[in-house]
Every structure is written in C-alpha cells, then in structure tokens.
C-alpha cells in the first residue's frame, strides 16, 4: 500500500507541475497575442499616417520600373501597384479606432508613435 501512495504522490506532483506549465504557457500565449495585436495596430497607424510618403515611393518605383522595362508592360506594373495599394489599405485598416471627435478636415487624432 505504501508503494501505491508513493505512486499516487508522484502522479499528483507530476500532474501539478504539468498544470503549472500549461498555465504558464497560456499566460505567455495571451501576452504574445496582446503584443502581436499591439504591433499590428501600430503598423496600421503608421501606414495610415505615412501613406503619402509610401505612395510617393510607390510612384517613384513605378516610374523606375516603367523606364527599365518599357511602357509595353504598363498594365502589369499597374496591376502590381493596385495589389500593393490594396495590401496597404488592409494594413491601415488594422489601426485602432480614433478616440474623440472625427475631424472633417481629415486630420488625425490618433496617438503619435
């Protein structure tokens, strides 16, 4: 009987440790999700705020590509540009909602990063 108690004790200890590790893993996973969400929100905010700079660089890149490969592939370049802009819109949509009154002039009341 002493042997059974010892086995039960070991099993109980192991199960307790497994539960502790599982709880820690869940806490770390929750923290990682929170950090990832914060990162995505920040990237969305930066993309939204810097969209004019990004668009200017896309314009320049498009110009260079058309210079190098010629205008005959302009439809493909335009297609790639639309895909990039769609992706940027999707990223910018991930920013947190602005707090406060909407600015009809298009200003940005979001926090500065």
PDB file of N, CA and C in Angstrom:
ATOM      1  N   UNK A   1       0.812  -1.181   0.000  1.00  0.00           N
ATOM      2  CA  UNK A   1       0.000   0.000   0.000  1.00  0.00           C
ATOM      3  C   UNK A   1       0.866   1.260   0.000  1.00  0.00           C
ATOM      4  N   UNK A   2       1.998   1.224   0.687  1.00  0.00           N
ATOM      5  CA  UNK A   2       2.911   2.336   0.724  1.00  0.00           C
ATOM      6  C   UNK A   2       3.410   2.684  -0.682  1.00  0.00           C
ATOM      7  N   UNK A   3       3.601   1.625  -1.467  1.00  0.00           N
ATOM      8  CA  UNK A   3       4.061   1.821  -2.830  1.00  0.00           C
ATOM      9  C   UNK A   3       2.995   2.551  -3.657  1.00  0.00           C
ATOM     10  N   UNK A   4       1.714   2.220  -3.463  1.00  0.00           N
ATOM     11  CA  UNK A   4       0.645   2.882  -4.181  1.00  0.00           C
ATOM     12  C   UNK A   4       0.541   4.358  -3.808  1.00  0.00           C
ATOM     13  N   UNK A   5       0.699   4.628  -2.538  1.00  0.00           N
ATOM     14  CA  UNK A   5       0.675   6.039  -2.123  1.00  0.00           C
ATOM     15  C   UNK A   5       1.836   6.794  -2.755  1.00  0.00           C
ATOM     16  N   UNK A   6       2.959   6.196  -2.793  1.00  0.00           N
ATOM     17  CA  UNK A   6       4.124   6.829  -3.386  1.00  0.00           C
ATOM     18  C   UNK A   6       3.880   7.101  -4.867  1.00  0.00           C
ATOM     19  N   UNK A   7       3.294   6.112  -5.567  1.00  0.00           N
ATOM     20  CA  UNK A   7       2.978   6.282  -6.980  1.00  0.00           C
ATOM     21  C   UNK A   7       1.935   7.376  -7.146  1.00  0.00           C
ATOM     22  N   UNK A   8       0.911   7.360  -6.302  1.00  0.00           N
ATOM     23  CA  UNK A   8      -0.115   8.390  -6.369  1.00  0.00           C
ATOM     24  C   UNK A   8       0.474   9.758  -6.089  1.00  0.00           C
ATOM     25  N   UNK A   9       1.377   9.819  -5.135  1.00  0.00           N
ATOM     26  CA  UNK A   9       2.021  11.076  -4.789  1.00  0.00           C
ATOM     27  C   UNK A   9       2.840  11.608  -5.970  1.00  0.00           C
ATOM     28  N   UNK A  10       3.578  10.723  -6.614  1.00  0.00           N
ATOM     29  CA  UNK A  10       4.382  11.118  -7.769  1.00  0.00           C
ATOM     30  C   UNK A  10       3.477  11.593  -8.893  1.00  0.00           C
ATOM     31  N   UNK A  11       2.413  10.856  -9.153  1.00  0.00           N
ATOM     32  CA  UNK A  11       1.473  11.229 -10.222  1.00  0.00           C
ATOM     33  C   UNK A  11       0.845  12.584  -9.912  1.00  0.00           C
ATOM     34  N   UNK A  12       0.454  12.795  -8.678  1.00  0.00           N
ATOM     35  CA  UNK A  12      -0.133  14.070  -8.268  1.00  0.00           C
ATOM     36  C   UNK A  12       0.862  15.207  -8.451  1.00  0.00           C
ATOM     37  N   UNK A  13       2.103  14.985  -8.051  1.00  0.00           N
ATOM     38  CA  UNK A  13       3.140  16.000  -8.228  1.00  0.00           C
ATOM     39  C   UNK A  13       3.366  16.322  -9.703  1.00  0.00           C
ATOM     40  N   UNK A  14       3.438  15.275 -10.527  1.00  0.00           N
ATOM     41  CA  UNK A  14       3.664  15.474 -11.964  1.00  0.00           C
ATOM     42  C   UNK A  14       2.479  16.213 -12.579  1.00  0.00           C
ATOM     43  N   UNK A  15       1.269  15.816 -12.220  1.00  0.00           N
ATOM     44  CA  UNK A  15       0.088  16.494 -12.757  1.00  0.00           C
ATOM     45  C   UNK A  15       0.048  17.958 -12.326  1.00  0.00           C
ATOM     46  N   UNK A  16       0.448  18.224 -11.095  1.00  0.00           N
ATOM     47  CA  UNK A  16       0.506  19.606 -10.620  1.00  0.00           C
ATOM     48  C   UNK A  16       1.506  20.427 -11.413  1.00  0.00           C
ATOM     49  N   UNK A  17       2.651  19.831 -11.699  1.00  0.00           N
ATOM     50  CA  UNK A  17       3.672  20.534 -12.483  1.00  0.00           C
ATOM     51  C   UNK A  17       3.218  20.744 -13.923  1.00  0.00           C
ATOM     52  N   UNK A  18       2.561  19.738 -14.485  1.00  0.00           N
ATOM     53  CA  UNK A  18       2.051  19.866 -15.857  1.00  0.00           C
ATOM     54  C   UNK A  18       1.022  20.995 -15.919  1.00  0.00           C
ATOM     55  N   UNK A  19       0.141  21.045 -14.936  1.00  0.00           N
ATOM     56  CA  UNK A  19      -0.863  22.116 -14.898  1.00  0.00           C
ATOM     57  C   UNK A  19      -0.181  23.473 -14.773  1.00  0.00           C
ATOM     58  N   UNK A  20       0.833  23.566 -13.941  1.00  0.00           N
ATOM     59  CA  UNK A  20       1.564  24.827 -13.766  1.00  0.00           C
ATOM     60  C   UNK A  20       2.205  25.261 -15.091  1.00  0.00           C
ATOM     61  N   UNK A  21       2.844  24.329 -15.768  1.00  0.00           N
ATOM     62  CA  UNK A  21       3.484  24.646 -17.051  1.00  0.00           C
ATOM     63  C   UNK A  21       2.428  25.048 -18.078  1.00  0.00           C
ATOM     64  N   UNK A  22       1.296  24.351 -18.104  1.00  0.00           N
ATOM     65  CA  UNK A  22       0.223  24.691 -19.036  1.00  0.00           C
ATOM     66  C   UNK A  22      -0.324  26.087 -18.749  1.00  0.00           C
ATOM     67  N   UNK A  23      -0.483  26.415 -17.467  1.00  0.00           N
ATOM     68  CA  UNK A  23      -0.961  27.752 -17.100  1.00  0.00           C
ATOM     69  C   UNK A  23       0.033  28.823 -17.544  1.00  0.00           C
ATOM     70  N   UNK A  24       1.317  28.546 -17.336  1.00  0.00           N
ATOM     71  CA  UNK A  24       2.342  29.493 -17.777  1.00  0.00           C
ATOM     72  C   UNK A  24       2.323  29.651 -19.299  1.00  0.00           C
ATOM     73  N   UNK A  25       2.166  28.542 -20.003  1.00  0.00           N
ATOM     74  CA  UNK A  25       2.126  28.591 -21.469  1.00  0.00           C
ATOM     75  C   UNK A  25       0.932  29.421 -21.941  1.00  0.00           C
ATOM     76  N   UNK A  26      -0.215  29.257 -21.303  1.00  0.00           N
ATOM     77  CA  UNK A  26      -1.391  30.044 -21.674  1.00  0.00           C
ATOM     78  C   UNK A  26      -1.163  31.525 -21.396  1.00  0.00           C
ATOM     79  N   UNK A  27      -0.535  31.835 -20.270  1.00  0.00           N
ATOM     80  CA  UNK A  27      -0.248  33.233 -19.947  1.00  0.00           C
ATOM     81  C   UNK A  27       0.711  33.839 -20.965  1.00  0.00           C
ATOM     82  N   UNK A  28       1.734  33.091 -21.346  1.00  0.00           N
ATOM     83  CA  UNK A  28       2.692  33.586 -22.341  1.00  0.00           C
ATOM     84  C   UNK A  28       2.019  33.734 -23.704  1.00  0.00           C
ATOM     85  N   UNK A  29       1.143  32.806 -24.049  1.00  0.00           N
ATOM     86  CA  UNK A  29       0.432  32.892 -25.326  1.00  0.00           C
ATOM     87  C   UNK A  29      -0.475  34.124 -25.347  1.00  0.00           C
ATOM     88  N   UNK A  30      -1.152  34.395 -24.241  1.00  0.00           N
ATOM     89  CA  UNK A  30      -2.017  35.574 -24.164  1.00  0.00           C
ATOM     90  C   UNK A  30      -1.188  36.850 -24.298  1.00  0.00           C
ATOM     91  N   UNK A  31      -0.037  36.872 -23.641  1.00  0.00           N
ATOM     92  CA  UNK A  31       0.840  38.037 -23.733  1.00  0.00           C
ATOM     93  C   UNK A  31       1.360  38.208 -25.154  1.00  0.00           C
ATOM     94  N   UNK A  32       1.709  37.108 -25.799  1.00  0.00           N
ATOM     95  CA  UNK A  32       2.196  37.169 -27.181  1.00  0.00           C
ATOM     96  C   UNK A  32       1.095  37.675 -28.114  1.00  0.00           C
ATOM     97  N   UNK A  33      -0.147  37.206 -27.907  1.00  0.00           N
ATOM     98  CA  UNK A  33      -1.264  37.687 -28.723  1.00  0.00           C
ATOM     99  C   UNK A  33      -1.460  39.191 -28.532  1.00  0.00           C
ATOM    100  N   UNK A  34      -1.381  39.639 -27.278  1.00  0.00           N
ATOM    101  CA  UNK A  34      -1.550  41.057 -26.990  1.00  0.00           C
ATOM    102  C   UNK A  34      -0.458  41.876 -27.674  1.00  0.00           C
ATOM    103  N   UNK A  35       0.789  41.422 -27.576  1.00  0.00           N
ATOM    104  CA  UNK A  35       1.906  42.138 -28.210  1.00  0.00           C
ATOM    105  C   UNK A  35       1.750  42.145 -29.731  1.00  0.00           C
ATOM    106  N   UNK A  36       1.320  41.024 -30.291  1.00  0.00           N
ATOM    107  CA  UNK A  36       1.111  40.959 -31.738  1.00  0.00           C
ATOM    108  C   UNK A  36       0.007  41.920 -32.158  1.00  0.00           C
ATOM    109  N   UNK A  37      -1.087  41.948 -31.403  1.00  0.00           N
ATOM    110  CA  UNK A  37      -2.182  42.872 -31.709  1.00  0.00           C
ATOM    111  C   UNK A  37      -1.721  44.322 -31.619  1.00  0.00           C
ATOM    112  N   UNK A  38      -0.919  44.624 -30.603  1.00  0.00           N
ATOM    113  CA  UNK A  38      -0.376  45.982 -30.464  1.00  0.00           C
ATOM    114  C   UNK A  38       0.523  46.327 -31.650  1.00  0.00           C
ATOM    115  N   UNK A  39       1.338  45.370 -32.077  1.00  0.00           N
ATOM    116  CA  UNK A  39       2.221  45.592 -33.221  1.00  0.00           C
ATOM    117  C   UNK A  39       1.445  45.821 -34.502  1.00  0.00           C
ATOM    118  N   UNK A  40       0.416  45.027 -34.717  1.00  0.00           N
ATOM    119  CA  UNK A  40      -0.417  45.181 -35.911  1.00  0.00           C
ATOM    120  C   UNK A  40      -1.121  46.538 -35.887  1.00  0.00           C
ATOM    121  N   UNK A  41      -1.646  46.916 -34.720  1.00  0.00           N
ATOM    122  CA  UNK A  41      -2.313  48.210 -34.598  1.00  0.00           C
ATOM    123  C   UNK A  41      -1.335  49.355 -34.867  1.00  0.00           C
ATOM    124  N   UNK A  42      -0.133  49.230 -34.337  1.00  0.00           N
ATOM    125  CA  UNK A  42       0.875  50.279 -34.549  1.00  0.00           C
ATOM    126  C   UNK A  42       1.268  50.358 -36.019  1.00  0.00           C
ATOM    127  N   UNK A  43       1.464  49.204 -36.645  1.00  0.00           N
ATOM    128  CA  UNK A  43       1.793  49.186 -38.072  1.00  0.00           C
ATOM    129  C   UNK A  43       0.664  49.812 -38.884  1.00  0.00           C
ATOM    130  N   UNK A  44      -0.580  49.500 -38.526  1.00  0.00           N
ATOM    131  CA  UNK A  44      -1.726  50.105 -39.210  1.00  0.00           C
ATOM    132  C   UNK A  44      -1.744  51.608 -39.053  1.00  0.00           C
ATOM    133  N   UNK A  45      -1.466  52.072 -37.841  1.00  0.00           N
ATOM    134  CA  UNK A  45      -1.436  53.519 -37.584  1.00  0.00           C
ATOM    135  C   UNK A  45      -0.323  54.193 -38.375  1.00  0.00           C
ATOM    136  N   UNK A  46       0.864  53.605 -38.356  1.00  0.00           N
ATOM    137  CA  UNK A  46       1.986  54.187 -39.103  1.00  0.00           C
ATOM    138  C   UNK A  46       1.718  54.192 -40.604  1.00  0.00           C
ATOM    139  N   UNK A  47       1.139  53.115 -41.101  1.00  0.00           N
ATOM    140  CA  UNK A  47       0.811  53.043 -42.528  1.00  0.00           C
ATOM    141  C   UNK A  47      -0.197  54.127 -42.892  1.00  0.00           C
ATOM    142  N   UNK A  48      -1.191  54.309 -42.043  1.00  0.00           N
ATOM    143  CA  UNK A  48      -2.200  55.339 -42.285  1.00  0.00           C
ATOM    144  C   UNK A  48      -1.570  56.738 -42.277  1.00  0.00           C
ATOM    145  N   UNK A  49      -0.750  57.004 -41.254  1.00  0.00           N
ATOM    146  CA  UNK A  49      -0.139  58.328 -41.108  1.00  0.00           C
ATOM    147  C   UNK A  49       0.867  58.639 -42.202  1.00  0.00           C
ATOM    148  N   UNK A  50       1.597  57.636 -42.643  1.00  0.00           N
ATOM    149  CA  UNK A  50       2.680  57.844 -43.620  1.00  0.00           C
ATOM    150  C   UNK A  50       2.271  57.462 -45.041  1.00  0.00           C
ATOM    151  N   UNK A  51       0.982  57.342 -45.289  1.00  0.00           N
ATOM    152  CA  UNK A  51       0.525  56.866 -46.590  1.00  0.00           C
ATOM    153  C   UNK A  51       1.002  57.753 -47.731  1.00  0.00           C
ATOM    154  N   UNK A  52       1.051  59.068 -47.516  1.00  0.00           N
ATOM    155  CA  UNK A  52       1.508  59.951 -48.589  1.00  0.00           C
ATOM    156  C   UNK A  52       2.972  59.685 -48.947  1.00  0.00           C
ATOM    157  N   UNK A  53       3.794  59.424 -47.954  1.00  0.00           N
ATOM    158  CA  UNK A  53       5.203  59.105 -48.196  1.00  0.00           C
ATOM    159  C   UNK A  53       5.319  57.760 -48.923  1.00  0.00           C
ATOM    160  N   UNK A  54       4.538  56.785 -48.465  1.00  0.00           N
ATOM    161  CA  UNK A  54       4.559  55.461 -49.088  1.00  0.00           C
ATOM    162  C   UNK A  54       4.111  55.567 -50.547  1.00  0.00           C
ATOM    163  N   UNK A  55       3.023  56.311 -50.788  1.00  0.00           N
ATOM    164  CA  UNK A  55       2.524  56.469 -52.159  1.00  0.00           C
ATOM    165  C   UNK A  55       3.556  57.150 -53.056  1.00  0.00           C
ATOM    166  N   UNK A  56       4.274  58.131 -52.516  1.00  0.00           N
ATOM    167  CA  UNK A  56       5.309  58.807 -53.303  1.00  0.00           C
ATOM    168  C   UNK A  56       6.419  57.825 -53.684  1.00  0.00           C
ATOM    169  N   UNK A  57       6.768  56.955 -52.766  1.00  0.00           N
ATOM    170  CA  UNK A  57       7.820  55.966 -53.070  1.00  0.00           C
ATOM    171  C   UNK A  57       7.320  54.923 -54.068  1.00  0.00           C
ATOM    172  N   UNK A  58       6.055  54.570 -53.970  1.00  0.00           N
ATOM    173  CA  UNK A  58       5.479  53.646 -54.957  1.00  0.00           C
ATOM    174  C   UNK A  58       5.480  54.305 -56.324  1.00  0.00           C
ATOM    175  N   UNK A  59       5.128  55.597 -56.387  1.00  0.00           N
ATOM    176  CA  UNK A  59       5.173  56.332 -57.658  1.00  0.00           C
ATOM    177  C   UNK A  59       6.569  56.282 -58.264  1.00  0.00           C
ATOM    178  N   UNK A  60       7.562  56.528 -57.429  1.00  0.00           N
ATOM    179  CA  UNK A  60       8.951  56.529 -57.902  1.00  0.00           C
ATOM    180  C   UNK A  60       9.358  55.136 -58.389  1.00  0.00           C
ATOM    181  N   UNK A  61       9.006  54.129 -57.616  1.00  0.00           N
ATOM    182  CA  UNK A  61       9.344  52.754 -58.014  1.00  0.00           C
ATOM    183  C   UNK A  61       8.650  52.394 -59.330  1.00  0.00           C
ATOM    184  N   UNK A  62       7.404  52.784 -59.465  1.00  0.00           N
ATOM    185  CA  UNK A  62       6.676  52.503 -60.705  1.00  0.00           C
ATOM    186  C   UNK A  62       7.358  53.199 -61.886  1.00  0.00           C
ATOM    187  N   UNK A  63       7.766  54.422 -61.686  1.00  0.00           N
ATOM    188  CA  UNK A  63       8.444  55.184 -62.739  1.00  0.00           C
ATOM    189  C   UNK A  63       9.749  54.488 -63.157  1.00  0.00           C
ATOM    190  N   UNK A  64      10.526  54.059 -62.191  1.00  0.00           N
ATOM    191  CA  UNK A  64      11.797  53.391 -62.481  1.00  0.00           C
ATOM    192  C   UNK A  64      11.550  52.082 -63.235  1.00  0.00           C
ATOM    193  N   UNK A  65      10.565  51.318 -62.797  1.00  0.00           N
ATOM    194  CA  UNK A  65      10.270  50.043 -63.462  1.00  0.00           C
ATOM    195  C   UNK A  65       9.840  50.284 -64.900  1.00  0.00           C
ATOM    196  N   UNK A  66       8.961  51.241 -65.124  1.00  0.00           N
ATOM    197  CA  UNK A  66       8.499  51.529 -66.486  1.00  0.00           C
ATOM    198  C   UNK A  66       9.657  52.017 -67.345  1.00  0.00           C
ATOM    199  N   UNK A  67      10.568  52.811 -66.762  1.00  0.00           N
ATOM    200  CA  UNK A  67      11.762  53.255 -67.508  1.00  0.00           C
ATOM    201  C   UNK A  67      12.614  52.059 -67.933  1.00  0.00           C
ATOM    202  N   UNK A  68      12.776  51.096 -67.038  1.00  0.00           N
ATOM    203  CA  UNK A  68      13.658  49.955 -67.296  1.00  0.00           C
ATOM    204  C   UNK A  68      13.046  48.944 -68.260  1.00  0.00           C
ATOM    205  N   UNK A  69      11.762  48.642 -68.086  1.00  0.00           N
ATOM    206  CA  UNK A  69      11.177  47.569 -68.905  1.00  0.00           C
ATOM    207  C   UNK A  69      10.313  48.091 -70.037  1.00  0.00           C
ATOM    208  N   UNK A  70      10.046  49.369 -70.044  1.00  0.00           N
ATOM    209  CA  UNK A  70       9.262  49.951 -71.118  1.00  0.00           C
ATOM    210  C   UNK A  70       7.780  49.988 -70.789  1.00  0.00           C
ATOM    211  N   UNK A  71       7.080  50.855 -71.480  1.00  0.00           N
ATOM    212  CA  UNK A  71       5.656  51.079 -71.231  1.00  0.00           C
ATOM    213  C   UNK A  71       4.790  49.913 -71.694  1.00  0.00           C
ATOM    214  N   UNK A  72       5.350  49.019 -72.511  1.00  0.00           N
ATOM    215  CA  UNK A  72       4.534  47.914 -73.017  1.00  0.00           C
ATOM    216  C   UNK A  72       4.040  46.995 -71.901  1.00  0.00           C
ATOM    217  N   UNK A  73       4.702  47.016 -70.738  1.00  0.00           N
ATOM    218  CA  UNK A  73       4.280  46.204 -69.596  1.00  0.00           C
ATOM    219  C   UNK A  73       3.576  47.046 -68.537  1.00  0.00           C
ATOM    220  N   UNK A  74       3.127  48.204 -68.938  1.00  0.00           N
ATOM    221  CA  UNK A  74       2.483  49.125 -68.008  1.00  0.00           C
ATOM    222  C   UNK A  74       1.272  48.537 -67.321  1.00  0.00           C
ATOM    223  N   UNK A  75       0.524  47.675 -68.025  1.00  0.00           N
ATOM    224  CA  UNK A  75      -0.663  47.070 -67.406  1.00  0.00           C
ATOM    225  C   UNK A  75      -0.268  46.137 -66.259  1.00  0.00           C
ATOM    226  N   UNK A  76       0.839  45.431 -66.429  1.00  0.00           N
ATOM    227  CA  UNK A  76       1.301  44.547 -65.350  1.00  0.00           C
ATOM    228  C   UNK A  76       1.804  45.361 -64.156  1.00  0.00           C
ATOM    229  N   UNK A  77       2.515  46.443 -64.450  1.00  0.00           N
ATOM    230  CA  UNK A  77       3.002  47.318 -63.380  1.00  0.00           C
ATOM    231  C   UNK A  77       1.814  47.922 -62.637  1.00  0.00           C
ATOM    232  N   UNK A  78       0.803  48.351 -63.363  1.00  0.00           N
ATOM    233  CA  UNK A  78      -0.395  48.926 -62.729  1.00  0.00           C
ATOM    234  C   UNK A  78      -1.110  47.886 -61.882  1.00  0.00           C
ATOM    235  N   UNK A  79      -1.118  46.652 -62.345  1.00  0.00           N
ATOM    236  CA  UNK A  79      -1.757  45.572 -61.595  1.00  0.00           C
ATOM    237  C   UNK A  79      -1.023  45.320 -60.273  1.00  0.00           C
ATOM    238  N   UNK A  80       0.294  45.320 -60.343  1.00  0.00           N
ATOM    239  CA  UNK A  80       1.088  45.135 -59.126  1.00  0.00           C
ATOM    240  C   UNK A  80       0.853  46.305 -58.172  1.00  0.00           C
ATOM    241  N   UNK A  81       0.798  47.497 -58.724  1.00  0.00           N
ATOM    242  CA  UNK A  81       0.567  48.672 -57.883  1.00  0.00           C
ATOM    243  C   UNK A  81      -0.781  48.571 -57.166  1.00  0.00           C
ATOM    244  N   UNK A  82      -1.812  48.171 -57.882  1.00  0.00           N
ATOM    245  CA  UNK A  82      -3.137  48.017 -57.258  1.00  0.00           C
ATOM    246  C   UNK A  82      -3.090  46.997 -56.132  1.00  0.00           C
ATOM    247  N   UNK A  83      -2.365  45.902 -56.338  1.00  0.00           N
ATOM    248  CA  UNK A  83      -2.244  44.876 -55.297  1.00  0.00           C
ATOM    249  C   UNK A  83      -1.517  45.424 -54.070  1.00  0.00           C
ATOM    250  N   UNK A  84      -0.457  46.186 -54.298  1.00  0.00           N
ATOM    251  CA  UNK A  84       0.293  46.784 -53.184  1.00  0.00           C
ATOM    252  C   UNK A  84      -0.600  47.775 -52.439  1.00  0.00           C
ATOM    253  N   UNK A  85      -1.317  48.608 -53.164  1.00  0.00           N
ATOM    254  CA  UNK A  85      -2.200  49.588 -52.518  1.00  0.00           C
ATOM    255  C   UNK A  85      -3.318  48.893 -51.740  1.00  0.00           C
ATOM    256  N   UNK A  86      -3.846  47.805 -52.290  1.00  0.00           N
ATOM    257  CA  UNK A  86      -4.864  47.039 -51.578  1.00  0.00           C
ATOM    258  C   UNK A  86      -4.299  46.515 -50.261  1.00  0.00           C
ATOM    259  N   UNK A  87      -3.084  45.982 -50.319  1.00  0.00           N
ATOM    260  CA  UNK A  87      -2.436  45.482 -49.106  1.00  0.00           C
ATOM    261  C   UNK A  87      -2.195  46.585 -48.093  1.00  0.00           C
ATOM    262  N   UNK A  88      -1.768  47.746 -48.559  1.00  0.00           N
ATOM    263  CA  UNK A  88      -1.551  48.875 -47.653  1.00  0.00           C
ATOM    264  C   UNK A  88      -2.861  49.318 -47.008  1.00  0.00           C
ATOM    265  N   UNK A  89      -3.937  49.310 -47.788  1.00  0.00           N
ATOM    266  CA  UNK A  89      -5.249  49.652 -47.220  1.00  0.00           C
ATOM    267  C   UNK A  89      -5.635  48.670 -46.128  1.00  0.00           C
ATOM    268  N   UNK A  90      -5.393  47.399 -46.377  1.00  0.00           N
ATOM    269  CA  UNK A  90      -5.718  46.369 -45.379  1.00  0.00           C
ATOM    270  C   UNK A  90      -4.902  46.574 -44.101  1.00  0.00           C
ATOM    271  N   UNK A  91      -3.632  46.919 -44.254  1.00  0.00           N
ATOM    272  CA  UNK A  91      -2.786  47.178 -43.083  1.00  0.00           C
ATOM    273  C   UNK A  91      -3.297  48.405 -42.332  1.00  0.00           C
ATOM    274  N   UNK A  92      -3.577  49.477 -43.061  1.00  0.00           N
ATOM    275  CA  UNK A  92      -4.048  50.715 -42.424  1.00  0.00           C
ATOM    276  C   UNK A  92      -5.379  50.492 -41.713  1.00  0.00           C
ATOM    277  N   UNK A  93      -6.196  49.581 -42.218  1.00  0.00           N
ATOM    278  CA  UNK A  93      -7.485  49.280 -41.572  1.00  0.00           C
ATOM    279  C   UNK A  93      -7.310  48.622 -40.213  1.00  0.00           C
ATOM    280  N   UNK A  94      -6.121  48.157 -39.899  1.00  0.00           N
ATOM    281  CA  UNK A  94      -5.865  47.483 -38.622  1.00  0.00           C
ATOM    282  C   UNK A  94      -5.555  48.463 -37.497  1.00  0.00           C
ATOM    283  N   UNK A  95      -5.498  49.758 -37.828  1.00  0.00           N
ATOM    284  CA  UNK A  95      -5.202  50.740 -36.780  1.00  0.00           C
ATOM    285  C   UNK A  95      -6.390  50.824 -35.824  1.00  0.00           C
ATOM    286  N   UNK A  96      -6.109  51.219 -34.598  1.00  0.00           N
ATOM    287  CA  UNK A  96      -7.201  51.328 -33.626  1.00  0.00           C
ATOM    288  C   UNK A  96      -8.121  52.479 -34.012  1.00  0.00           C
ATOM    289  N   UNK A  97      -9.379  52.391 -33.613  1.00  0.00           N
ATOM    290  CA  UNK A  97     -10.297  53.486 -33.931  1.00  0.00           C
ATOM    291  C   UNK A  97      -9.844  54.765 -33.226  1.00  0.00           C
ATOM    292  N   UNK A  98     -10.026  55.889 -33.909  1.00  0.00           N
ATOM    293  CA  UNK A  98      -9.639  57.179 -33.326  1.00  0.00           C
ATOM    294  C   UNK A  98     -10.585  57.497 -32.180  1.00  0.00           C
ATOM    295  N   UNK A  99     -10.020  57.987 -31.104  1.00  0.00           N
ATOM    296  CA  UNK A  99     -10.827  58.391 -29.961  1.00  0.00           C
ATOM    297  C   UNK A  99     -11.112  59.874 -30.080  1.00  0.00           C
ATOM    298  N   UNK A 100     -12.297  60.266 -29.757  1.00  0.00           N
ATOM    299  CA  UNK A 100     -12.654  61.671 -29.833  1.00  0.00           C
ATOM    300  C   UNK A 100     -13.487  61.935 -31.065  1.00  0.00           C
ATOM    301  N   UNK A 101     -13.638  63.201 -31.387  1.00  0.00           N
ATOM    302  CA  UNK A 101     -14.495  63.635 -32.485  1.00  0.00           C
ATOM    303  C   UNK A 101     -13.754  63.471 -33.800  1.00  0.00           C
ATOM    304  N   UNK A 102     -14.470  62.985 -34.818  1.00  0.00           N
ATOM    305  CA  UNK A 102     -13.875  62.877 -36.146  1.00  0.00           C
ATOM    306  C   UNK A 102     -13.608  64.272 -36.688  1.00  0.00           C
ATOM    307  N   UNK A 103     -12.468  64.420 -37.317  1.00  0.00           N
ATOM    308  CA  UNK A 103     -12.077  65.691 -37.894  1.00  0.00           C
ATOM    309  C   UNK A 103     -12.520  65.711 -39.347  1.00  0.00           C
ATOM    310  N   UNK A 104     -13.496  66.563 -39.712  1.00  0.00           N
ATOM    311  CA  UNK A 104     -13.972  66.574 -41.094  1.00  0.00           C
ATOM    312  C   UNK A 104     -12.906  67.012 -42.085  1.00  0.00           C
ATOM    313  N   UNK A 105     -11.859  67.668 -41.600  1.00  0.00           N
ATOM    314  CA  UNK A 105     -10.787  68.106 -42.498  1.00  0.00           C
ATOM    315  C   UNK A 105      -9.800  66.977 -42.777  1.00  0.00           C
ATOM    316  N   UNK A 106     -10.025  65.818 -42.158  1.00  0.00           N
ATOM    317  CA  UNK A 106      -9.157  64.683 -42.423  1.00  0.00           C
ATOM    318  C   UNK A 106      -7.955  64.614 -41.519  1.00  0.00           C
ATOM    319  N   UNK A 107      -7.957  65.377 -40.434  1.00  0.00           N
ATOM    320  CA  UNK A 107      -6.829  65.348 -39.504  1.00  0.00           C
ATOM    321  C   UNK A 107      -6.781  64.032 -38.777  1.00  0.00           C
ATOM    322  N   UNK A 108      -5.701  63.804 -38.095  1.00  0.00           N
ATOM    323  CA  UNK A 108      -5.503  62.542 -37.402  1.00  0.00           C
ATOM    324  C   UNK A 108      -5.378  62.804 -35.911  1.00  0.00           C
ATOM    325  N   UNK A 109      -6.345  62.291 -35.138  1.00  0.00           N
ATOM    326  CA  UNK A 109      -6.300  62.484 -33.680  1.00  0.00           C
ATOM    327  C   UNK A 109      -5.699  61.281 -32.987  1.00  0.00           C
ATOM    328  N   UNK A 110      -5.105  60.378 -33.742  1.00  0.00           N
ATOM    329  CA  UNK A 110      -4.523  59.170 -33.178  1.00  0.00           C
ATOM    330  C   UNK A 110      -3.209  59.474 -32.492  1.00  0.00           C
ATOM    331  N   UNK A 111      -2.804  58.616 -31.555  1.00  0.00           N
ATOM    332  CA  UNK A 111      -1.528  58.853 -30.863  1.00  0.00           C
ATOM    333  C   UNK A 111      -0.357  58.784 -31.831  1.00  0.00           C
ATOM    334  N   UNK A 112       0.644  59.584 -31.567  1.00  0.00           N
ATOM    335  CA  UNK A 112       1.841  59.602 -32.399  1.00  0.00           C
ATOM    336  C   UNK A 112       2.832  58.572 -31.885  1.00  0.00           C
ATOM    337  N   UNK A 113       3.386  57.760 -32.789  1.00  0.00           N
ATOM    338  CA  UNK A 113       4.377  56.753 -32.401  1.00  0.00           C
ATOM    339  C   UNK A 113       5.733  57.195 -32.869  1.00  0.00           C
TER     340      UNK A 113
END
